């Protein structure tokens, strides 16, 4: 299982783990079955001749007017820098905790604003156009729509 940090993780502990490894993905359990994906460092899963590139963006965006931007739950400046220094490469999956700012919820065919979202997620989606974007943070039953289909509802 692979995850990106959200807004309720032990950020000090995850920061320590990240600093101990140059790898984009870090096991966090003794059995090496649960992995934390660092923000802004693509990870390539390869099996035989096939490969999938996954990029993670963890945490949430700070709300407008927030004074303490260093809180662990908010995207950190070094992570933003990493995201905007990514090489142009194919990206198959974007795994995030927050959503893009223009994300909308569809409940029984009715559109409603879903989030304040994170501008960096929008920028990555617009620049790299990954076929899949998986995110959390918003409650309710799981929903799935191909990105091309979701764009029709914006």
N, C-alpha and C. Protein backbone atom coordinates (compact mmCIF):
# COMPACT_ATOMS: atom_id res chain seq x y z
N UNK A 1 0.84 -1.16 0.00
CA UNK A 1 0.00 0.00 0.00
C UNK A 1 0.90 1.24 0.00
N UNK A 2 0.51 2.22 -0.80
CA UNK A 2 1.26 3.47 -0.91
C UNK A 2 0.33 4.61 -0.51
N UNK A 3 0.85 5.54 0.28
CA UNK A 3 0.05 6.70 0.67
C UNK A 3 0.90 7.96 0.63
N UNK A 4 0.21 9.09 0.53
CA UNK A 4 0.84 10.40 0.74
C UNK A 4 0.28 10.95 2.04
N UNK A 5 1.05 11.78 2.70
CA UNK A 5 0.60 12.33 3.98
C UNK A 5 -0.59 13.26 3.77
N UNK A 6 -1.44 13.28 4.78
CA UNK A 6 -2.60 14.16 4.75
C UNK A 6 -2.44 15.28 5.76
N UNK A 7 -3.53 15.65 6.39
CA UNK A 7 -3.45 16.73 7.37
C UNK A 7 -3.50 16.22 8.81
N UNK A 8 -3.57 14.90 9.02
CA UNK A 8 -3.65 14.35 10.38
C UNK A 8 -2.51 13.39 10.71
N UNK A 9 -1.48 13.30 9.88
CA UNK A 9 -0.38 12.39 10.14
C UNK A 9 0.57 12.95 11.20
N UNK A 10 1.49 12.10 11.63
CA UNK A 10 2.57 12.52 12.53
C UNK A 10 3.67 13.11 11.64
N UNK A 11 3.57 14.40 11.35
CA UNK A 11 4.46 15.03 10.38
C UNK A 11 5.91 15.08 10.84
N UNK A 12 6.15 15.24 12.13
CA UNK A 12 7.54 15.24 12.61
C UNK A 12 8.20 13.89 12.34
N UNK A 13 7.48 12.81 12.59
CA UNK A 13 8.01 11.47 12.36
C UNK A 13 8.25 11.23 10.87
N UNK A 14 7.28 11.60 10.03
CA UNK A 14 7.45 11.43 8.59
C UNK A 14 8.59 12.30 8.06
N UNK A 15 8.74 13.51 8.59
CA UNK A 15 9.86 14.37 8.19
C UNK A 15 11.20 13.69 8.49
N UNK A 16 11.31 13.08 9.68
CA UNK A 16 12.54 12.38 10.05
C UNK A 16 12.82 11.22 9.09
N UNK A 17 11.79 10.44 8.78
CA UNK A 17 11.96 9.32 7.85
C UNK A 17 12.41 9.82 6.48
N UNK A 18 11.79 10.88 6.01
CA UNK A 18 12.15 11.42 4.69
C UNK A 18 13.60 11.87 4.66
N UNK A 19 14.08 12.47 5.74
CA UNK A 19 15.45 12.96 5.78
C UNK A 19 16.47 11.83 5.82
N UNK A 20 16.06 10.65 6.24
CA UNK A 20 16.97 9.50 6.35
C UNK A 20 17.12 8.75 5.04
N UNK A 21 16.33 9.09 4.02
CA UNK A 21 16.37 8.34 2.77
C UNK A 21 16.28 9.27 1.56
N UNK A 22 17.06 8.96 0.55
CA UNK A 22 16.99 9.69 -0.72
C UNK A 22 15.90 9.12 -1.62
N UNK A 23 15.41 7.94 -1.28
CA UNK A 23 14.41 7.27 -2.11
C UNK A 23 13.09 8.04 -2.08
N UNK A 24 12.31 7.98 -3.18
CA UNK A 24 11.02 8.67 -3.20
C UNK A 24 9.94 7.98 -2.37
N UNK A 25 10.17 6.71 -2.05
CA UNK A 25 9.17 5.93 -1.33
C UNK A 25 9.85 5.25 -0.14
N UNK A 26 9.18 5.31 1.03
CA UNK A 26 9.79 4.85 2.28
C UNK A 26 8.86 3.88 2.99
N UNK A 27 9.35 2.68 3.37
CA UNK A 27 8.48 1.79 4.16
C UNK A 27 8.31 2.37 5.57
N UNK A 28 7.10 2.28 6.09
CA UNK A 28 6.87 2.83 7.43
C UNK A 28 6.49 1.75 8.44
N UNK A 29 6.43 0.50 7.99
CA UNK A 29 6.10 -0.58 8.92
C UNK A 29 7.20 -1.64 8.86
N UNK A 30 7.26 -2.48 9.88
CA UNK A 30 8.30 -3.50 10.00
C UNK A 30 8.25 -4.54 8.88
N UNK A 31 7.06 -4.76 8.31
CA UNK A 31 6.90 -5.79 7.28
C UNK A 31 7.08 -5.25 5.86
N UNK A 32 7.31 -3.96 5.74
CA UNK A 32 7.49 -3.29 4.44
C UNK A 32 6.31 -3.55 3.51
N UNK A 33 5.13 -3.30 4.06
CA UNK A 33 3.89 -3.42 3.27
C UNK A 33 3.18 -2.08 3.10
N UNK A 34 3.57 -1.11 3.91
CA UNK A 34 2.96 0.23 3.85
C UNK A 34 4.08 1.23 3.56
N UNK A 35 3.90 1.99 2.48
CA UNK A 35 4.93 2.91 2.02
C UNK A 35 4.41 4.34 1.94
N UNK A 36 5.27 5.25 2.34
CA UNK A 36 4.98 6.69 2.25
C UNK A 36 5.69 7.22 1.01
N UNK A 37 4.94 7.90 0.14
CA UNK A 37 5.49 8.50 -1.08
C UNK A 37 5.75 9.99 -0.81
N UNK A 38 6.99 10.41 -1.00
CA UNK A 38 7.36 11.80 -0.75
C UNK A 38 6.71 12.72 -1.79
N UNK A 39 6.39 13.91 -1.36
CA UNK A 39 5.84 14.92 -2.27
C UNK A 39 6.90 15.36 -3.27
N UNK A 40 6.53 15.33 -4.55
CA UNK A 40 7.38 15.88 -5.59
C UNK A 40 8.53 15.03 -6.06
N UNK A 41 8.57 13.75 -5.65
CA UNK A 41 9.60 12.85 -6.12
C UNK A 41 8.93 11.67 -6.82
N UNK A 42 8.95 11.64 -8.16
CA UNK A 42 8.30 10.54 -8.87
C UNK A 42 8.91 9.19 -8.49
N UNK A 43 8.05 8.19 -8.41
CA UNK A 43 8.48 6.83 -8.13
C UNK A 43 8.05 5.97 -9.30
N UNK A 44 8.96 5.14 -9.78
CA UNK A 44 8.67 4.26 -10.92
C UNK A 44 8.55 2.84 -10.41
N UNK A 45 7.37 2.27 -10.59
CA UNK A 45 7.12 0.86 -10.28
C UNK A 45 7.34 0.09 -11.57
N UNK A 46 8.25 -0.89 -11.53
CA UNK A 46 8.57 -1.63 -12.74
C UNK A 46 8.40 -3.12 -12.49
N UNK A 47 7.77 -3.78 -13.43
CA UNK A 47 7.59 -5.24 -13.40
C UNK A 47 7.83 -5.73 -14.82
N UNK A 48 8.93 -6.45 -15.01
CA UNK A 48 9.28 -6.89 -16.36
C UNK A 48 9.54 -5.69 -17.25
N UNK A 49 8.89 -5.65 -18.41
CA UNK A 49 9.05 -4.54 -19.34
C UNK A 49 8.05 -3.42 -19.12
N UNK A 50 7.18 -3.58 -18.16
CA UNK A 50 6.14 -2.58 -17.89
C UNK A 50 6.55 -1.68 -16.73
N UNK A 51 6.15 -0.42 -16.81
CA UNK A 51 6.42 0.48 -15.69
C UNK A 51 5.30 1.51 -15.55
N UNK A 52 5.12 1.95 -14.32
CA UNK A 52 4.12 2.97 -13.98
C UNK A 52 4.84 4.03 -13.15
N UNK A 53 4.69 5.28 -13.55
CA UNK A 53 5.29 6.39 -12.80
C UNK A 53 4.21 7.06 -11.97
N UNK A 54 4.48 7.16 -10.67
CA UNK A 54 3.53 7.74 -9.72
C UNK A 54 4.18 8.97 -9.08
N UNK A 55 3.43 10.06 -9.04
CA UNK A 55 3.88 11.26 -8.35
C UNK A 55 2.92 11.53 -7.20
N UNK A 56 3.46 11.85 -6.05
CA UNK A 56 2.63 12.16 -4.89
C UNK A 56 2.72 13.63 -4.50
N UNK A 57 1.58 14.15 -4.02
CA UNK A 57 1.54 15.48 -3.40
C UNK A 57 0.73 15.33 -2.13
N UNK A 58 1.43 15.39 -1.00
CA UNK A 58 0.76 15.22 0.28
C UNK A 58 0.36 16.53 0.92
N UNK A 59 -0.26 16.41 2.08
CA UNK A 59 -0.69 17.54 2.90
C UNK A 59 -1.88 18.26 2.24
N UNK A 60 -2.24 19.44 2.80
CA UNK A 60 -3.31 20.26 2.25
C UNK A 60 -2.79 21.68 2.04
N UNK A 61 -3.54 22.44 1.26
CA UNK A 61 -3.19 23.85 1.06
C UNK A 61 -3.59 24.65 2.30
N UNK A 62 -2.79 25.64 2.62
CA UNK A 62 -3.13 26.53 3.73
C UNK A 62 -4.28 27.44 3.29
N UNK A 63 -5.25 27.65 4.17
CA UNK A 63 -6.35 28.54 3.81
C UNK A 63 -5.86 29.99 3.67
N UNK A 64 -6.56 30.75 2.87
CA UNK A 64 -6.23 32.17 2.69
C UNK A 64 -6.21 32.86 4.05
N UNK A 65 -5.15 33.61 4.28
CA UNK A 65 -5.04 34.35 5.54
C UNK A 65 -4.36 33.58 6.66
N UNK A 66 -4.03 32.31 6.44
CA UNK A 66 -3.34 31.53 7.48
C UNK A 66 -1.98 32.16 7.77
N UNK A 67 -1.70 32.39 9.03
CA UNK A 67 -0.44 33.04 9.41
C UNK A 67 0.68 32.04 9.66
N UNK A 68 0.37 30.85 10.16
CA UNK A 68 1.41 29.87 10.47
C UNK A 68 1.49 28.82 9.36
N UNK A 69 2.21 29.15 8.31
CA UNK A 69 2.32 28.25 7.15
C UNK A 69 3.25 27.08 7.40
N UNK A 70 3.98 27.08 8.50
CA UNK A 70 4.92 25.99 8.79
C UNK A 70 4.25 24.80 9.48
N UNK A 71 2.96 24.89 9.73
CA UNK A 71 2.27 23.75 10.34
C UNK A 71 2.45 22.53 9.44
N UNK A 72 2.67 21.38 10.05
CA UNK A 72 2.95 20.16 9.30
C UNK A 72 1.88 19.75 8.32
N UNK A 73 0.65 20.16 8.55
CA UNK A 73 -0.43 19.74 7.66
C UNK A 73 -0.45 20.51 6.34
N UNK A 74 0.29 21.61 6.25
CA UNK A 74 0.30 22.43 5.03
C UNK A 74 1.50 22.09 4.16
N UNK A 75 1.31 22.15 2.85
CA UNK A 75 2.39 21.94 1.90
C UNK A 75 3.54 22.88 2.24
N UNK A 76 4.75 22.33 2.32
CA UNK A 76 5.92 23.10 2.74
C UNK A 76 6.65 23.68 1.52
N UNK A 77 7.38 24.76 1.75
CA UNK A 77 8.06 25.47 0.67
C UNK A 77 9.03 24.56 -0.10
N UNK A 78 9.79 23.72 0.60
CA UNK A 78 10.73 22.83 -0.09
C UNK A 78 10.00 21.84 -0.99
N UNK A 79 8.78 21.46 -0.62
CA UNK A 79 7.99 20.55 -1.46
C UNK A 79 7.47 21.27 -2.70
N UNK A 80 7.06 22.52 -2.53
CA UNK A 80 6.62 23.32 -3.68
C UNK A 80 7.77 23.46 -4.67
N UNK A 81 8.96 23.76 -4.17
CA UNK A 81 10.13 23.88 -5.04
C UNK A 81 10.39 22.59 -5.80
N UNK A 82 10.29 21.45 -5.11
CA UNK A 82 10.48 20.15 -5.75
C UNK A 82 9.48 19.95 -6.89
N UNK A 83 8.23 20.32 -6.64
CA UNK A 83 7.18 20.14 -7.66
C UNK A 83 7.45 20.96 -8.91
N UNK A 84 7.91 22.18 -8.73
CA UNK A 84 8.12 23.06 -9.89
C UNK A 84 9.48 22.84 -10.55
N UNK A 85 10.31 21.95 -10.00
CA UNK A 85 11.59 21.61 -10.62
C UNK A 85 11.56 20.22 -11.24
N UNK A 86 10.39 19.61 -11.32
CA UNK A 86 10.28 18.27 -11.90
C UNK A 86 10.68 18.28 -13.37
N UNK A 87 11.41 17.26 -13.81
CA UNK A 87 11.69 17.16 -15.24
C UNK A 87 10.40 16.79 -15.99
N UNK A 88 10.32 17.20 -17.23
CA UNK A 88 9.16 16.83 -18.04
C UNK A 88 9.30 15.34 -18.37
N UNK A 89 8.40 14.52 -17.89
CA UNK A 89 8.44 13.09 -18.10
C UNK A 89 7.01 12.55 -18.05
N UNK A 90 6.77 11.39 -18.66
CA UNK A 90 5.43 10.82 -18.58
C UNK A 90 5.07 10.50 -17.13
N UNK A 91 3.85 10.81 -16.77
CA UNK A 91 3.34 10.57 -15.42
C UNK A 91 2.04 9.80 -15.57
N UNK A 92 1.98 8.60 -14.99
CA UNK A 92 0.80 7.76 -15.12
C UNK A 92 -0.25 7.99 -14.05
N UNK A 93 0.21 8.24 -12.83
CA UNK A 93 -0.72 8.39 -11.70
C UNK A 93 -0.28 9.57 -10.84
N UNK A 94 -1.23 10.42 -10.50
CA UNK A 94 -1.00 11.46 -9.51
C UNK A 94 -1.78 11.06 -8.27
N UNK A 95 -1.07 10.92 -7.15
CA UNK A 95 -1.66 10.52 -5.88
C UNK A 95 -1.54 11.70 -4.92
N UNK A 96 -2.69 12.28 -4.51
CA UNK A 96 -2.66 13.46 -3.65
C UNK A 96 -3.62 13.28 -2.48
N UNK A 97 -3.43 14.11 -1.48
CA UNK A 97 -4.39 14.13 -0.37
C UNK A 97 -5.48 15.16 -0.66
N UNK A 98 -5.09 16.37 -1.03
CA UNK A 98 -6.03 17.44 -1.35
C UNK A 98 -6.44 17.30 -2.82
N UNK A 99 -7.34 18.17 -3.27
CA UNK A 99 -7.80 18.18 -4.65
C UNK A 99 -7.34 19.47 -5.32
N UNK A 100 -7.62 19.59 -6.60
CA UNK A 100 -7.34 20.84 -7.30
C UNK A 100 -8.36 21.90 -6.87
N UNK A 101 -8.05 23.18 -7.01
CA UNK A 101 -8.96 24.23 -6.50
C UNK A 101 -10.33 24.24 -7.16
N UNK A 102 -10.42 23.80 -8.40
CA UNK A 102 -11.70 23.84 -9.10
C UNK A 102 -12.46 22.52 -9.03
N UNK A 103 -12.07 21.67 -8.10
CA UNK A 103 -12.73 20.38 -7.90
C UNK A 103 -14.19 20.59 -7.49
N UNK A 104 -15.07 19.82 -8.10
CA UNK A 104 -16.49 19.87 -7.73
C UNK A 104 -16.97 18.48 -7.37
N UNK A 105 -17.91 18.41 -6.47
CA UNK A 105 -18.55 17.15 -6.10
C UNK A 105 -19.82 16.99 -6.92
N UNK A 106 -20.07 15.79 -7.38
CA UNK A 106 -21.33 15.49 -8.05
C UNK A 106 -22.10 14.53 -7.17
N UNK A 107 -23.17 14.98 -6.61
CA UNK A 107 -24.03 14.14 -5.78
C UNK A 107 -25.40 14.08 -6.43
N UNK A 108 -25.75 12.90 -6.92
CA UNK A 108 -27.05 12.71 -7.59
C UNK A 108 -27.23 13.71 -8.72
N UNK A 109 -26.16 13.95 -9.47
CA UNK A 109 -26.22 14.84 -10.61
C UNK A 109 -26.15 16.32 -10.30
N UNK A 110 -26.02 16.68 -9.03
CA UNK A 110 -25.96 18.09 -8.63
C UNK A 110 -24.51 18.46 -8.33
N UNK A 111 -24.04 19.54 -8.95
CA UNK A 111 -22.68 20.02 -8.75
C UNK A 111 -22.60 20.89 -7.50
N UNK A 112 -21.57 20.67 -6.69
CA UNK A 112 -21.32 21.56 -5.56
C UNK A 112 -19.81 21.74 -5.41
N UNK A 113 -19.40 22.90 -4.93
CA UNK A 113 -17.98 23.18 -4.74
C UNK A 113 -17.41 22.22 -3.72
N UNK A 114 -16.31 21.56 -4.07
CA UNK A 114 -15.77 20.55 -3.20
C UNK A 114 -14.66 21.00 -2.29
N UNK A 115 -13.91 22.03 -2.67
CA UNK A 115 -12.74 22.35 -1.86
C UNK A 115 -12.17 23.71 -2.19
N UNK A 116 -11.30 24.16 -1.31
CA UNK A 116 -10.45 25.29 -1.67
C UNK A 116 -9.32 24.76 -2.53
N UNK A 117 -8.91 23.53 -2.29
CA UNK A 117 -7.95 22.85 -3.13
C UNK A 117 -6.54 23.41 -3.07
N UNK A 118 -5.68 22.81 -3.89
CA UNK A 118 -4.27 23.16 -3.91
C UNK A 118 -3.87 23.51 -5.34
N UNK A 119 -3.40 24.72 -5.52
CA UNK A 119 -3.02 25.22 -6.85
C UNK A 119 -1.93 24.35 -7.49
N UNK A 120 -1.01 23.83 -6.68
CA UNK A 120 0.08 23.00 -7.21
C UNK A 120 -0.47 21.73 -7.86
N UNK A 121 -1.55 21.19 -7.33
CA UNK A 121 -2.16 19.99 -7.92
C UNK A 121 -2.71 20.34 -9.30
N UNK A 122 -3.41 21.45 -9.40
CA UNK A 122 -3.95 21.90 -10.69
C UNK A 122 -2.81 22.07 -11.69
N UNK A 123 -1.71 22.70 -11.27
CA UNK A 123 -0.58 22.93 -12.17
C UNK A 123 0.01 21.62 -12.68
N UNK A 124 0.17 20.64 -11.80
CA UNK A 124 0.72 19.34 -12.22
C UNK A 124 -0.25 18.63 -13.16
N UNK A 125 -1.54 18.63 -12.83
CA UNK A 125 -2.53 18.00 -13.71
C UNK A 125 -2.55 18.66 -15.09
N UNK A 126 -2.49 19.97 -15.13
CA UNK A 126 -2.51 20.69 -16.40
C UNK A 126 -1.23 20.49 -17.20
N UNK A 127 -0.09 20.41 -16.53
CA UNK A 127 1.20 20.27 -17.23
C UNK A 127 1.48 18.84 -17.69
N UNK A 128 1.20 17.87 -16.83
CA UNK A 128 1.61 16.49 -17.10
C UNK A 128 0.46 15.62 -17.62
N UNK A 129 -0.77 16.01 -17.35
CA UNK A 129 -1.97 15.31 -17.82
C UNK A 129 -1.92 13.79 -17.56
N UNK A 130 -1.71 13.39 -16.31
CA UNK A 130 -1.70 11.94 -16.02
C UNK A 130 -3.08 11.35 -16.27
N UNK A 131 -3.13 10.10 -16.73
CA UNK A 131 -4.43 9.46 -16.97
C UNK A 131 -5.26 9.27 -15.69
N UNK A 132 -4.58 9.15 -14.54
CA UNK A 132 -5.30 8.90 -13.29
C UNK A 132 -4.86 9.87 -12.20
N UNK A 133 -5.85 10.34 -11.43
CA UNK A 133 -5.59 11.18 -10.26
C UNK A 133 -6.45 10.63 -9.13
N UNK A 134 -5.79 10.15 -8.08
CA UNK A 134 -6.48 9.63 -6.89
C UNK A 134 -6.22 10.59 -5.74
N UNK A 135 -7.27 10.96 -5.01
CA UNK A 135 -7.09 11.86 -3.87
C UNK A 135 -8.08 11.52 -2.77
N UNK A 136 -7.79 12.03 -1.58
CA UNK A 136 -8.63 11.78 -0.42
C UNK A 136 -9.16 13.08 0.14
N UNK A 137 -9.12 13.21 1.44
CA UNK A 137 -9.46 14.41 2.20
C UNK A 137 -10.95 14.71 2.28
N UNK A 138 -11.72 14.33 1.29
CA UNK A 138 -13.14 14.67 1.26
C UNK A 138 -13.95 13.43 1.57
N UNK A 139 -14.83 13.52 2.55
CA UNK A 139 -15.60 12.37 3.01
C UNK A 139 -16.63 11.92 2.00
N UNK A 140 -17.31 10.86 2.36
CA UNK A 140 -18.36 10.33 1.50
C UNK A 140 -17.92 9.05 0.82
N UNK A 141 -18.82 8.47 0.05
CA UNK A 141 -18.49 7.22 -0.63
C UNK A 141 -17.45 7.45 -1.72
N UNK A 142 -16.68 6.41 -2.06
CA UNK A 142 -15.69 6.55 -3.13
C UNK A 142 -16.38 6.92 -4.44
N UNK A 143 -15.71 7.76 -5.20
CA UNK A 143 -16.20 8.14 -6.52
C UNK A 143 -15.06 7.96 -7.50
N UNK A 144 -15.38 7.65 -8.72
CA UNK A 144 -14.35 7.47 -9.73
C UNK A 144 -14.89 7.96 -11.06
N UNK A 145 -14.09 8.74 -11.75
CA UNK A 145 -14.41 9.17 -13.10
C UNK A 145 -13.09 9.40 -13.82
N UNK A 146 -12.98 8.95 -15.08
CA UNK A 146 -11.77 9.26 -15.83
C UNK A 146 -11.59 10.77 -15.90
N UNK A 147 -10.35 11.22 -15.95
CA UNK A 147 -10.08 12.66 -15.95
C UNK A 147 -10.79 13.34 -17.12
N UNK A 148 -10.80 12.71 -18.29
CA UNK A 148 -11.47 13.32 -19.44
C UNK A 148 -12.96 13.53 -19.16
N UNK A 149 -13.59 12.58 -18.47
CA UNK A 149 -15.01 12.72 -18.14
C UNK A 149 -15.21 13.80 -17.09
N UNK A 150 -14.35 13.85 -16.10
CA UNK A 150 -14.46 14.84 -15.03
C UNK A 150 -14.33 16.25 -15.59
N UNK A 151 -13.50 16.43 -16.62
CA UNK A 151 -13.31 17.76 -17.20
C UNK A 151 -14.59 18.31 -17.80
N UNK A 152 -15.50 17.42 -18.24
CA UNK A 152 -16.76 17.88 -18.83
C UNK A 152 -17.66 18.55 -17.81
N UNK A 153 -17.45 18.26 -16.52
CA UNK A 153 -18.32 18.81 -15.48
C UNK A 153 -17.81 20.13 -14.92
N UNK A 154 -16.67 20.60 -15.39
CA UNK A 154 -16.11 21.85 -14.84
C UNK A 154 -16.77 23.06 -15.45
